[in-house]
Amino acid sequence: MIATILNNQDQYGDSDCEDIKTWKAHVPEWLHEYGNVFSKHKSERMPLQKPYDYDIDFIEGTKLSKPAKVYLLSLAERNSLDT
């Protein structure tokens, strides 16, 4: 994929080529095949909507539950969270 982008620079804007040069300088070579993950340009758009996307319907005025404690804390740590 990256080779295609570099070979077809007129298909992609100059900003995309600069983007590729930027992340390639910071990402190990063995991860270059996953270039779309590191692209700043591609990360600035919303992902495409998929049929399996789930809607979260919020009910106005409903209070959220208190967050659960996810790991063991000492008594002093628990008390500091509860205040």
C-alpha atoms as a PDB file:
ATOM      1  CA  MET A   1       0.000   0.000   0.000  1.00  0.00           C
ATOM      2  CA  ILE A   2       2.737   2.470   0.932  1.00  0.00           C
ATOM      3  CA  ALA A   3       4.621   1.688  -2.276  1.00  0.00           C
ATOM      4  CA  THR A   4       1.459   2.458  -4.249  1.00  0.00           C
ATOM      5  CA  ILE A   5       1.128   5.829  -2.557  1.00  0.00           C
ATOM      6  CA  LEU A   6       4.764   6.704  -3.170  1.00  0.00           C
ATOM      7  CA  ASN A   7       4.550   5.638  -6.832  1.00  0.00           C
ATOM      8  CA  ASN A   8       1.293   7.533  -7.466  1.00  0.00           C
ATOM      9  CA  GLN A   9       2.064  10.894  -5.925  1.00  0.00           C
ATOM     10  CA  ASP A  10      -0.219  12.750  -8.335  1.00  0.00           C
ATOM     11  CA  GLN A  11      -3.167  10.635  -7.132  1.00  0.00           C
ATOM     12  CA  TYR A  12      -2.471  11.714  -3.556  1.00  0.00           C
ATOM     13  CA  GLY A  13      -1.755  15.293  -2.538  1.00  0.00           C
ATOM     14  CA  ASP A  14       1.670  16.540  -1.511  1.00  0.00           C
ATOM     15  CA  SER A  15       0.401  16.744   2.070  1.00  0.00           C
ATOM     16  CA  ASP A  16      -0.132  12.965   2.061  1.00  0.00           C
ATOM     17  CA  CYS A  17       3.455  12.418   0.906  1.00  0.00           C
ATOM     18  CA  GLU A  18       4.729  14.687   3.680  1.00  0.00           C
ATOM     19  CA  ASP A  19       2.526  12.792   6.126  1.00  0.00           C
ATOM     20  CA  ILE A  20       4.089   9.500   5.024  1.00  0.00           C
ATOM     21  CA  LYS A  21       7.618  10.873   5.415  1.00  0.00           C
ATOM     22  CA  THR A  22       6.758  12.167   8.885  1.00  0.00           C
ATOM     23  CA  TRP A  23       5.404   8.958  10.374  1.00  0.00           C
ATOM     24  CA  LYS A  24       7.972   6.780   8.617  1.00  0.00           C
ATOM     25  CA  ALA A  25      10.716   8.662  10.444  1.00  0.00           C
ATOM     26  CA  HIS A  26       9.165   7.745  13.823  1.00  0.00           C
ATOM     27  CA  VAL A  27       7.739   4.254  13.210  1.00  0.00           C
ATOM     28  CA  PRO A  28       9.904   1.104  13.058  1.00  0.00           C
ATOM     29  CA  GLU A  29      10.285  -0.302   9.541  1.00  0.00           C
ATOM     30  CA  TRP A  30       8.557  -3.581  10.401  1.00  0.00           C
ATOM     31  CA  LEU A  31       5.330  -1.583  11.032  1.00  0.00           C
ATOM     32  CA  HIS A  32       5.394   0.347   7.739  1.00  0.00           C
ATOM     33  CA  GLU A  33       2.890  -2.052   6.176  1.00  0.00           C
ATOM     34  CA  TYR A  34       0.316  -0.642   8.621  1.00  0.00           C
ATOM     35  CA  GLY A  35       0.869   2.910   7.414  1.00  0.00           C
ATOM     36  CA  ASN A  36      -2.823   3.817   7.386  1.00  0.00           C
ATOM     37  CA  VAL A  37      -2.840   3.488  11.186  1.00  0.00           C
ATOM     38  CA  PHE A  38      -0.087   6.084  11.564  1.00  0.00           C
ATOM     39  CA  SER A  39      -1.327   8.559   8.966  1.00  0.00           C
ATOM     40  CA  LYS A  40      -2.302  11.915  10.467  1.00  0.00           C
ATOM     41  CA  HIS A  41      -4.449  12.708   7.426  1.00  0.00           C
ATOM     42  CA  LYS A  42      -6.463   9.479   7.735  1.00  0.00           C
ATOM     43  CA  SER A  43      -6.812   9.822  11.501  1.00  0.00           C
ATOM     44  CA  GLU A  44      -8.568  13.172  11.125  1.00  0.00           C
ATOM     45  CA  ARG A  45     -11.682  11.695   9.520  1.00  0.00           C
ATOM     46  CA  MET A  46     -14.487   9.706  11.088  1.00  0.00           C
ATOM     47  CA  PRO A  47     -14.596   5.983  10.306  1.00  0.00           C
ATOM     48  CA  LEU A  48     -17.187   4.844   7.804  1.00  0.00           C
ATOM     49  CA  GLN A  49     -20.518   3.772   9.256  1.00  0.00           C
ATOM     50  CA  LYS A  50     -20.952  -0.004   9.380  1.00  0.00           C
ATOM     51  CA  PRO A  51     -24.150  -2.065   9.678  1.00  0.00           C
ATOM     52  CA  TYR A  52     -22.956  -3.494  13.000  1.00  0.00           C
ATOM     53  CA  ASP A  53     -22.466  -0.040  14.598  1.00  0.00           C
ATOM     54  CA  TYR A  54     -24.514   0.265  17.758  1.00  0.00           C
ATOM     55  CA  ASP A  55     -26.523   3.333  18.722  1.00  0.00           C
ATOM     56  CA  ILE A  56     -26.336   4.452  22.330  1.00  0.00           C
ATOM     57  CA  ASP A  57     -29.549   6.207  23.246  1.00  0.00           C
ATOM     58  CA  PHE A  58     -29.212   8.411  26.315  1.00  0.00           C
ATOM     59  CA  ILE A  59     -32.200   9.308  28.454  1.00  0.00           C
ATOM     60  CA  GLU A  60     -32.146  12.965  29.455  1.00  0.00           C
ATOM     61  CA  GLY A  61     -32.064  13.625  33.176  1.00  0.00           C
ATOM     62  CA  THR A  62     -30.789  10.155  34.057  1.00  0.00           C
ATOM     63  CA  LYS A  63     -27.874  10.088  36.482  1.00  0.00           C
ATOM     64  CA  LEU A  64     -24.920   7.909  35.635  1.00  0.00           C
ATOM     65  CA  SER A  65     -23.984   5.214  38.098  1.00  0.00           C
ATOM     66  CA  LYS A  66     -20.936   5.704  40.285  1.00  0.00           C
ATOM     67  CA  PRO A  67     -17.842   4.276  38.575  1.00  0.00           C
ATOM     68  CA  ALA A  68     -16.754   0.909  39.945  1.00  0.00           C
ATOM     69  CA  LYS A  69     -13.347   0.437  41.518  1.00  0.00           C
ATOM     70  CA  VAL A  70     -11.417  -1.741  39.127  1.00  0.00           C
ATOM     71  CA  TYR A  71      -8.431  -2.729  41.265  1.00  0.00           C
ATOM     72  CA  LEU A  72      -7.691  -3.380  44.925  1.00  0.00           C
ATOM     73  CA  LEU A  73      -6.937  -0.320  47.027  1.00  0.00           C
ATOM     74  CA  SER A  74      -5.790   0.098  50.583  1.00  0.00           C
ATOM     75  CA  LEU A  75      -8.338   1.382  53.101  1.00  0.00           C
ATOM     76  CA  ALA A  76      -6.753   4.848  53.025  1.00  0.00           C
ATOM     77  CA  GLU A  77      -6.911   4.943  49.213  1.00  0.00           C
ATOM     78  CA  ARG A  78     -10.568   3.829  49.194  1.00  0.00           C
ATOM     79  CA  ASN A  79     -11.478   6.456  51.767  1.00  0.00           C
ATOM     80  CA  SER A  80      -9.814   9.176  49.720  1.00  0.00           C
ATOM     81  CA  LEU A  81     -11.906   8.169  46.683  1.00  0.00           C
ATOM     82  CA  ASP A  82     -15.167   8.096  48.644  1.00  0.00           C
ATOM     83  CA  THR A  83     -14.840  11.684  49.887  1.00  0.00           C
END
